[in-house]
PDB file of N, CA and C in Angstrom:
ATOM      1  N   UNK A   1    -114.013   3.132 -60.548  1.00  0.00           N
ATOM      2  CA  UNK A   1    -113.649   2.086 -59.551  1.00  0.00           C
ATOM      3  C   UNK A   1    -113.828   1.505 -57.866  1.00  0.00           C
ATOM      4  N   UNK A   2    -115.300   2.658 -57.628  1.00  0.00           N
ATOM      5  CA  UNK A   2    -115.882   2.058 -56.394  1.00  0.00           C
ATOM      6  C   UNK A   2    -117.048   1.266 -56.991  1.00  0.00           C
ATOM      7  N   UNK A   3    -117.443   1.103 -57.924  1.00  0.00           N
ATOM      8  CA  UNK A   3    -118.513  -0.064 -58.352  1.00  0.00           C
ATOM      9  C   UNK A   3    -117.583  -1.380 -58.680  1.00  0.00           C
ATOM     10  N   UNK A   4    -116.647  -1.453 -58.933  1.00  0.00           N
ATOM     11  CA  UNK A   4    -115.632  -2.820 -59.321  1.00  0.00           C
ATOM     12  C   UNK A   4    -115.300  -3.254 -58.185  1.00  0.00           C
ATOM     13  N   UNK A   5    -115.172  -2.401 -57.117  1.00  0.00           N
ATOM     14  CA  UNK A   5    -114.415  -2.843 -55.478  1.00  0.00           C
ATOM     15  C   UNK A   5    -115.877  -3.640 -55.199  1.00  0.00           C
ATOM     16  N   UNK A   6    -117.246  -2.459 -55.326  1.00  0.00           N
ATOM     17  CA  UNK A   6    -118.457  -3.175 -54.663  1.00  0.00           C
ATOM     18  C   UNK A   6    -118.530  -4.074 -55.403  1.00  0.00           C
ATOM     19  N   UNK A   7    -118.536  -4.480 -57.125  1.00  0.00           N
ATOM     20  CA  UNK A   7    -118.765  -5.790 -57.188  1.00  0.00           C
ATOM     21  C   UNK A   7    -117.614  -7.380 -56.985  1.00  0.00           C
ATOM     22  N   UNK A   8    -116.301  -6.699 -56.917  1.00  0.00           N
ATOM     23  CA  UNK A   8    -115.351  -7.937 -56.402  1.00  0.00           C
ATOM     24  C   UNK A   8    -115.728  -8.144 -54.492  1.00  0.00           C
ATOM     25  N   UNK A   9    -116.117  -7.109 -54.040  1.00  0.00           N
ATOM     26  CA  UNK A   9    -116.816  -7.706 -52.498  1.00  0.00           C
ATOM     27  C   UNK A   9    -117.800  -8.415 -52.850  1.00  0.00           C
ATOM     28  N   UNK A  10    -118.600  -7.932 -53.694  1.00  0.00           N
ATOM     29  CA  UNK A  10    -120.059  -8.753 -53.469  1.00  0.00           C
ATOM     30  C   UNK A  10    -119.893 -10.079 -54.120  1.00  0.00           C
ATOM     31  N   UNK A  11    -118.916 -10.687 -54.977  1.00  0.00           N
ATOM     32  CA  UNK A  11    -118.456 -12.065 -54.988  1.00  0.00           C
ATOM     33  C   UNK A  11    -118.196 -12.861 -54.075  1.00  0.00           C
ATOM     34  N   UNK A  12    -116.869 -11.869 -53.979  1.00  0.00           N
ATOM     35  CA  UNK A  12    -116.448 -12.661 -52.720  1.00  0.00           C
ATOM     36  C   UNK A  12    -117.605 -13.276 -51.621  1.00  0.00           C
ATOM     37  N   UNK A  13    -118.689 -12.228 -51.297  1.00  0.00           N
ATOM     38  CA  UNK A  13    -119.211 -12.471 -50.206  1.00  0.00           C
ATOM     39  C   UNK A  13    -120.079 -13.814 -50.579  1.00  0.00           C
ATOM     40  N   UNK A  14    -120.333 -14.139 -52.208  1.00  0.00           N
ATOM     41  CA  UNK A  14    -121.653 -14.864 -52.342  1.00  0.00           C
ATOM     42  C   UNK A  14    -120.506 -16.596 -52.159  1.00  0.00           C
ATOM     43  N   UNK A  15    -119.567 -16.018 -52.799  1.00  0.00           N
ATOM     44  CA  UNK A  15    -118.871 -17.561 -52.874  1.00  0.00           C
ATOM     45  C   UNK A  15    -118.556 -17.988 -51.494  1.00  0.00           C
ATOM     46  N   UNK A  16    -118.236 -17.244 -50.634  1.00  0.00           N
ATOM     47  CA  UNK A  16    -117.775 -17.925 -49.512  1.00  0.00           C
ATOM     48  C   UNK A  16    -119.557 -18.379 -48.899  1.00  0.00           C
ATOM     49  N   UNK A  17    -120.701 -17.489 -49.452  1.00  0.00           N
ATOM     50  CA  UNK A  17    -122.138 -17.836 -48.817  1.00  0.00           C
ATOM     51  C   UNK A  17    -122.605 -19.284 -49.260  1.00  0.00           C
ATOM     52  N   UNK A  18    -121.853 -19.757 -50.828  1.00  0.00           N
ATOM     53  CA  UNK A  18    -122.229 -20.631 -51.823  1.00  0.00           C
ATOM     54  C   UNK A  18    -121.544 -22.156 -50.581  1.00  0.00           C
ATOM     55  N   UNK A  19    -120.372 -21.425 -50.132  1.00  0.00           N
ATOM     56  CA  UNK A  19    -119.865 -22.719 -49.865  1.00  0.00           C
ATOM     57  C   UNK A  19    -120.047 -22.892 -48.018  1.00  0.00           C
ATOM     58  N   UNK A  20    -121.079 -22.267 -47.219  1.00  0.00           N
ATOM     59  CA  UNK A  20    -121.287 -22.613 -46.208  1.00  0.00           C
ATOM     60  C   UNK A  20    -122.667 -23.137 -46.391  1.00  0.00           C
ATOM     61  N   UNK A  21    -123.601 -23.004 -47.439  1.00  0.00           N
ATOM     62  CA  UNK A  21    -124.994 -23.542 -47.749  1.00  0.00           C
ATOM     63  C   UNK A  21    -124.709 -24.632 -48.700  1.00  0.00           C
ATOM     64  N   UNK A  22    -123.313 -25.050 -49.046  1.00  0.00           N
ATOM     65  CA  UNK A  22    -123.579 -26.081 -50.038  1.00  0.00           C
ATOM     66  C   UNK A  22    -124.232 -27.837 -49.441  1.00  0.00           C
ATOM     67  N   UNK A  23    -124.232 -28.136 -50.298  1.00  0.00           N
ATOM     68  CA  UNK A  23    -125.194 -29.809 -50.009  1.00  0.00           C
ATOM     69  C   UNK A  23    -124.257 -30.658 -48.806  1.00  0.00           C
ATOM     70  N   UNK A  24    -124.734 -30.980 -48.158  1.00  0.00           N
ATOM     71  CA  UNK A  24    -124.498 -31.951 -47.003  1.00  0.00           C
ATOM     72  C   UNK A  24    -124.857 -33.072 -46.811  1.00  0.00           C
ATOM     73  N   UNK A  25    -125.691 -33.802 -47.861  1.00  0.00           N
ATOM     74  CA  UNK A  25    -126.397 -35.099 -47.768  1.00  0.00           C
ATOM     75  C   UNK A  25    -125.861 -35.992 -47.614  1.00  0.00           C
ATOM     76  N   UNK A  26    -126.197 -37.047 -46.424  1.00  0.00           N
ATOM     77  CA  UNK A  26    -125.672 -38.312 -46.510  1.00  0.00           C
ATOM     78  C   UNK A  26    -126.007 -39.309 -46.918  1.00  0.00           C
ATOM     79  N   UNK A  27    -125.132 -40.045 -47.648  1.00  0.00           N
ATOM     80  CA  UNK A  27    -125.422 -41.231 -48.589  1.00  0.00           C
ATOM     81  C   UNK A  27    -125.008 -42.423 -47.928  1.00  0.00           C
ATOM     82  N   UNK A  28    -126.330 -43.310 -48.261  1.00  0.00           N
ATOM     83  CA  UNK A  28    -126.173 -44.841 -47.246  1.00  0.00           C
ATOM     84  C   UNK A  28    -125.574 -45.349 -48.810  1.00  0.00           C
ATOM     85  N   UNK A  29    -124.774 -46.314 -48.368  1.00  0.00           N
ATOM     86  CA  UNK A  29    -123.573 -46.941 -49.374  1.00  0.00           C
ATOM     87  C   UNK A  29    -124.260 -48.451 -48.943  1.00  0.00           C
ATOM     88  N   UNK A  30    -124.683 -49.466 -49.744  1.00  0.00           N
ATOM     89  CA  UNK A  30    -125.221 -50.811 -49.604  1.00  0.00           C
ATOM     90  C   UNK A  30    -123.625 -51.423 -49.826  1.00  0.00           C
ATOM     91  N   UNK A  31    -122.993 -51.601 -49.171  1.00  0.00           N
ATOM     92  CA  UNK A  31    -121.849 -52.653 -49.226  1.00  0.00           C
ATOM     93  C   UNK A  31    -122.119 -54.258 -49.243  1.00  0.00           C
ATOM     94  N   UNK A  32    -121.820 -55.304 -50.341  1.00  0.00           N
ATOM     95  CA  UNK A  32    -122.268 -56.667 -49.768  1.00  0.00           C
ATOM     96  C   UNK A  32    -121.454 -56.901 -49.049  1.00  0.00           C
ATOM     97  N   UNK A  33    -121.259 -58.374 -48.062  1.00  0.00           N
ATOM     98  CA  UNK A  33    -120.710 -58.406 -47.025  1.00  0.00           C
ATOM     99  C   UNK A  33    -120.003 -59.747 -48.244  1.00  0.00           C
ATOM    100  N   UNK A  34    -119.137 -59.960 -48.165  1.00  0.00           N
ATOM    101  CA  UNK A  34    -118.520 -61.744 -48.541  1.00  0.00           C
ATOM    102  C   UNK A  34    -118.366 -62.532 -48.102  1.00  0.00           C
ATOM    103  N   UNK A  35    -118.286 -62.092 -46.277  1.00  0.00           N
ATOM    104  CA  UNK A  35    -118.079 -63.217 -45.750  1.00  0.00           C
ATOM    105  C   UNK A  35    -116.598 -63.048 -45.081  1.00  0.00           C
ATOM    106  N   UNK A  36    -115.928 -63.325 -43.745  1.00  0.00           N
ATOM    107  CA  UNK A  36    -114.560 -63.385 -43.350  1.00  0.00           C
ATOM    108  C   UNK A  36    -113.793 -64.140 -44.290  1.00  0.00           C
ATOM    109  N   UNK A  37    -112.467 -63.220 -44.794  1.00  0.00           N
ATOM    110  CA  UNK A  37    -111.416 -63.923 -45.090  1.00  0.00           C
ATOM    111  C   UNK A  37    -109.963 -64.143 -43.908  1.00  0.00           C
ATOM    112  N   UNK A  38    -109.302 -64.889 -44.570  1.00  0.00           N
ATOM    113  CA  UNK A  38    -107.603 -65.183 -43.912  1.00  0.00           C
ATOM    114  C   UNK A  38    -107.297 -64.171 -44.114  1.00  0.00           C
ATOM    115  N   UNK A  39    -106.637 -63.261 -43.623  1.00  0.00           N
ATOM    116  CA  UNK A  39    -105.675 -62.342 -43.106  1.00  0.00           C
ATOM    117  C   UNK A  39    -103.932 -62.790 -43.342  1.00  0.00           C
ATOM    118  N   UNK A  40    -103.076 -62.708 -43.858  1.00  0.00           N
ATOM    119  CA  UNK A  40    -101.773 -63.288 -43.427  1.00  0.00           C
ATOM    120  C   UNK A  40    -100.837 -61.876 -43.208  1.00  0.00           C
ATOM    121  N   UNK A  41    -100.315 -61.988 -42.630  1.00  0.00           N
ATOM    122  CA  UNK A  41     -99.001 -60.768 -42.440  1.00  0.00           C
ATOM    123  C   UNK A  41     -97.900 -61.386 -41.436  1.00  0.00           C
ATOM    124  N   UNK A  42     -96.942 -61.018 -42.815  1.00  0.00           N
ATOM    125  CA  UNK A  42     -95.649 -62.050 -42.328  1.00  0.00           C
ATOM    126  C   UNK A  42     -94.608 -60.854 -42.748  1.00  0.00           C
ATOM    127  N   UNK A  43     -93.522 -61.622 -41.637  1.00  0.00           N
ATOM    128  CA  UNK A  43     -91.970 -60.641 -42.422  1.00  0.00           C
ATOM    129  C   UNK A  43     -91.173 -61.629 -42.314  1.00  0.00           C
ATOM    130  N   UNK A  44     -90.844 -62.327 -43.343  1.00  0.00           N
ATOM    131  CA  UNK A  44     -89.917 -63.208 -43.273  1.00  0.00           C
ATOM    132  C   UNK A  44     -88.476 -62.988 -43.521  1.00  0.00           C
ATOM    133  N   UNK A  45     -87.870 -62.641 -42.925  1.00  0.00           N
ATOM    134  CA  UNK A  45     -85.663 -62.402 -42.999  1.00  0.00           C
ATOM    135  C   UNK A  45     -85.359 -63.250 -42.507  1.00  0.00           C
ATOM    136  N   UNK A  46     -84.489 -63.680 -43.308  1.00  0.00           N
ATOM    137  CA  UNK A  46     -83.000 -64.853 -42.574  1.00  0.00           C
ATOM    138  C   UNK A  46     -81.873 -63.514 -42.703  1.00  0.00           C
ATOM    139  N   UNK A  47     -81.600 -63.497 -41.308  1.00  0.00           N
ATOM    140  CA  UNK A  47     -80.634 -62.457 -40.813  1.00  0.00           C
ATOM    141  C   UNK A  47     -79.457 -63.703 -41.066  1.00  0.00           C
ATOM    142  N   UNK A  48     -77.993 -63.242 -41.804  1.00  0.00           N
ATOM    143  CA  UNK A  48     -77.281 -63.584 -41.877  1.00  0.00           C
ATOM    144  C   UNK A  48     -76.504 -63.887 -40.372  1.00  0.00           C
ATOM    145  N   UNK A  49     -76.156 -65.324 -40.276  1.00  0.00           N
ATOM    146  CA  UNK A  49     -75.284 -65.225 -39.149  1.00  0.00           C
ATOM    147  C   UNK A  49     -76.640 -66.023 -38.099  1.00  0.00           C
ATOM    148  N   UNK A  50     -77.766 -65.866 -37.974  1.00  0.00           N
ATOM    149  CA  UNK A  50     -79.150 -66.845 -37.558  1.00  0.00           C
ATOM    150  C   UNK A  50     -79.257 -68.000 -38.035  1.00  0.00           C
ATOM    151  N   UNK A  51     -79.933 -68.505 -36.891  1.00  0.00           N
ATOM    152  CA  UNK A  51     -80.807 -69.849 -37.426  1.00  0.00           C
ATOM    153  C   UNK A  51     -81.777 -69.725 -38.184  1.00  0.00           C
ATOM    154  N   UNK A  52     -82.855 -68.261 -38.445  1.00  0.00           N
ATOM    155  CA  UNK A  52     -83.795 -68.048 -39.491  1.00  0.00           C
ATOM    156  C   UNK A  52     -84.932 -68.791 -39.027  1.00  0.00           C
ATOM    157  N   UNK A  53     -84.834 -68.710 -37.231  1.00  0.00           N
ATOM    158  CA  UNK A  53     -86.285 -70.007 -37.127  1.00  0.00           C
ATOM    159  C   UNK A  53     -86.814 -69.138 -36.631  1.00  0.00           C
ATOM    160  N   UNK A  54     -86.767 -67.182 -36.283  1.00  0.00           N
ATOM    161  CA  UNK A  54     -87.483 -66.658 -35.670  1.00  0.00           C
ATOM    162  C   UNK A  54     -88.241 -65.390 -36.371  1.00  0.00           C
ATOM    163  N   UNK A  55     -89.420 -65.436 -36.847  1.00  0.00           N
ATOM    164  CA  UNK A  55     -89.919 -64.824 -37.912  1.00  0.00           C
ATOM    165  C   UNK A  55     -91.478 -64.196 -37.134  1.00  0.00           C
ATOM    166  N   UNK A  56     -92.155 -63.760 -38.020  1.00  0.00           N
ATOM    167  CA  UNK A  56     -92.932 -62.895 -37.846  1.00  0.00           C
ATOM    168  C   UNK A  56     -94.400 -62.806 -38.813  1.00  0.00           C
ATOM    169  N   UNK A  57     -95.421 -63.841 -37.961  1.00  0.00           N
ATOM    170  CA  UNK A  57     -96.435 -64.268 -38.972  1.00  0.00           C
ATOM    171  C   UNK A  57     -97.642 -63.353 -37.952  1.00  0.00           C
ATOM    172  N   UNK A  58     -98.523 -63.198 -38.608  1.00  0.00           N
ATOM    173  CA  UNK A  58     -99.618 -63.038 -38.054  1.00  0.00           C
ATOM    174  C   UNK A  58    -101.037 -62.748 -39.354  1.00  0.00           C
ATOM    175  N   UNK A  59    -101.950 -63.909 -38.284  1.00  0.00           N
ATOM    176  CA  UNK A  59    -103.184 -64.752 -38.466  1.00  0.00           C
ATOM    177  C   UNK A  59    -104.436 -63.554 -38.249  1.00  0.00           C
ATOM    178  N   UNK A  60    -105.531 -63.502 -39.039  1.00  0.00           N
ATOM    179  CA  UNK A  60    -106.793 -62.882 -38.562  1.00  0.00           C
ATOM    180  C   UNK A  60    -107.231 -62.622 -39.567  1.00  0.00           C
ATOM    181  N   UNK A  61    -108.709 -62.467 -39.044  1.00  0.00           N
ATOM    182  CA  UNK A  61    -109.787 -62.876 -39.946  1.00  0.00           C
ATOM    183  C   UNK A  61    -110.385 -61.425 -40.080  1.00  0.00           C
ATOM    184  N   UNK A  62    -110.822 -61.463 -41.534  1.00  0.00           N
ATOM    185  CA  UNK A  62    -110.902 -59.751 -42.070  1.00  0.00           C
ATOM    186  C   UNK A  62    -112.858 -60.045 -41.258  1.00  0.00           C
ATOM    187  N   UNK A  63    -113.460 -58.282 -41.492  1.00  0.00           N
ATOM    188  CA  UNK A  63    -114.698 -58.564 -40.759  1.00  0.00           C
ATOM    189  C   UNK A  63    -115.261 -57.367 -41.765  1.00  0.00           C
ATOM    190  N   UNK A  64    -116.613 -57.033 -42.044  1.00  0.00           N
ATOM    191  CA  UNK A  64    -117.075 -56.120 -42.417  1.00  0.00           C
ATOM    192  C   UNK A  64    -116.782 -54.552 -42.925  1.00  0.00           C
ATOM    193  N   UNK A  65    -116.802 -54.280 -43.606  1.00  0.00           N
ATOM    194  CA  UNK A  65    -116.552 -52.590 -43.862  1.00  0.00           C
ATOM    195  C   UNK A  65    -116.966 -51.924 -43.122  1.00  0.00           C
ATOM    196  N   UNK A  66    -118.309 -51.945 -43.122  1.00  0.00           N
ATOM    197  CA  UNK A  66    -118.406 -50.586 -41.822  1.00  0.00           C
ATOM    198  C   UNK A  66    -118.947 -51.428 -40.103  1.00  0.00           C
ATOM    199  N   UNK A  67    -118.017 -52.641 -40.017  1.00  0.00           N
ATOM    200  CA  UNK A  67    -118.204 -53.108 -38.611  1.00  0.00           C
ATOM    201  C   UNK A  67    -117.257 -52.275 -37.824  1.00  0.00           C
ATOM    202  N   UNK A  68    -117.696 -51.940 -36.573  1.00  0.00           N
ATOM    203  CA  UNK A  68    -116.916 -51.421 -35.741  1.00  0.00           C
ATOM    204  C   UNK A  68    -115.512 -51.823 -35.487  1.00  0.00           C
ATOM    205  N   UNK A  69    -115.791 -53.336 -35.448  1.00  0.00           N
ATOM    206  CA  UNK A  69    -114.862 -54.412 -34.526  1.00  0.00           C
ATOM    207  C   UNK A  69    -113.701 -53.965 -35.995  1.00  0.00           C
ATOM    208  N   UNK A  70    -112.608 -54.241 -35.133  1.00  0.00           N
ATOM    209  CA  UNK A  70    -110.649 -54.360 -35.812  1.00  0.00           C
ATOM    210  C   UNK A  70    -111.214 -55.661 -36.251  1.00  0.00           C
ATOM    211  N   UNK A  71    -109.779 -56.657 -37.408  1.00  0.00           N
ATOM    212  CA  UNK A  71    -109.832 -57.841 -37.446  1.00  0.00           C
ATOM    213  C   UNK A  71    -109.672 -58.618 -36.375  1.00  0.00           C
ATOM    214  N   UNK A  72    -110.481 -59.887 -36.224  1.00  0.00           N
ATOM    215  CA  UNK A  72    -110.510 -60.806 -35.176  1.00  0.00           C
ATOM    216  C   UNK A  72    -109.008 -61.775 -35.623  1.00  0.00           C
ATOM    217  N   UNK A  73    -108.073 -61.758 -34.310  1.00  0.00           N
ATOM    218  CA  UNK A  73    -106.668 -62.736 -34.432  1.00  0.00           C
ATOM    219  C   UNK A  73    -107.139 -64.280 -34.020  1.00  0.00           C
ATOM    220  N   UNK A  74    -106.554 -64.712 -35.149  1.00  0.00           N
ATOM    221  CA  UNK A  74    -106.834 -66.387 -35.509  1.00  0.00           C
ATOM    222  C   UNK A  74    -105.327 -66.786 -34.002  1.00  0.00           C
ATOM    223  N   UNK A  75    -105.942 -68.197 -33.336  1.00  0.00           N
ATOM    224  CA  UNK A  75    -105.137 -68.411 -32.523  1.00  0.00           C
ATOM    225  C   UNK A  75    -105.272 -69.877 -32.759  1.00  0.00           C
ATOM    226  N   UNK A  76    -104.132 -70.741 -32.593  1.00  0.00           N
ATOM    227  CA  UNK A  76    -103.981 -72.097 -32.247  1.00  0.00           C
ATOM    228  C   UNK A  76    -103.687 -72.927 -33.603  1.00  0.00           C
ATOM    229  N   UNK A  77    -103.587 -71.802 -34.760  1.00  0.00           N
ATOM    230  CA  UNK A  77    -102.977 -72.135 -36.005  1.00  0.00           C
ATOM    231  C   UNK A  77    -101.543 -72.418 -35.973  1.00  0.00           C
ATOM    232  N   UNK A  78    -101.841 -73.925 -37.145  1.00  0.00           N
ATOM    233  CA  UNK A  78     -99.869 -74.135 -37.336  1.00  0.00           C
ATOM    234  C   UNK A  78     -99.715 -73.561 -38.180  1.00  0.00           C
ATOM    235  N   UNK A  79     -98.101 -72.828 -38.335  1.00  0.00           N
ATOM    236  CA  UNK A  79     -97.804 -72.094 -40.013  1.00  0.00           C
ATOM    237  C   UNK A  79     -96.394 -73.045 -40.358  1.00  0.00           C
ATOM    238  N   UNK A  80     -95.912 -73.408 -41.632  1.00  0.00           N
ATOM    239  CA  UNK A  80     -95.245 -74.046 -41.896  1.00  0.00           C
ATOM    240  C   UNK A  80     -95.006 -72.750 -43.346  1.00  0.00           C
ATOM    241  N   UNK A  81     -93.249 -72.858 -42.800  1.00  0.00           N
ATOM    242  CA  UNK A  81     -92.718 -71.729 -44.111  1.00  0.00           C
ATOM    243  C   UNK A  81     -91.621 -72.510 -45.080  1.00  0.00           C
ATOM    244  N   UNK A  82     -92.129 -72.670 -46.089  1.00  0.00           N
ATOM    245  CA  UNK A  82     -91.141 -73.555 -46.737  1.00  0.00           C
ATOM    246  C   UNK A  82     -90.099 -72.385 -47.584  1.00  0.00           C
TER     247      UNK A  82
END
């Protein structure tokens, strides 16, 4: 009975120790940059009883994957919904 208890505690300690000293290498991934792209986020709802002229459309340009800047908003664009 004592030997089983010692083996169980030893195995638990070894498992916990293996988690503490496991591999933690940093892997650098080379992600190719495809350039910026136009992103369109739109909510086109025509509520009953309204003129339908109030819509939400957001235009932005994408950035590189690891870039710290968020997507850049596009200004001065004309959008026509048909």
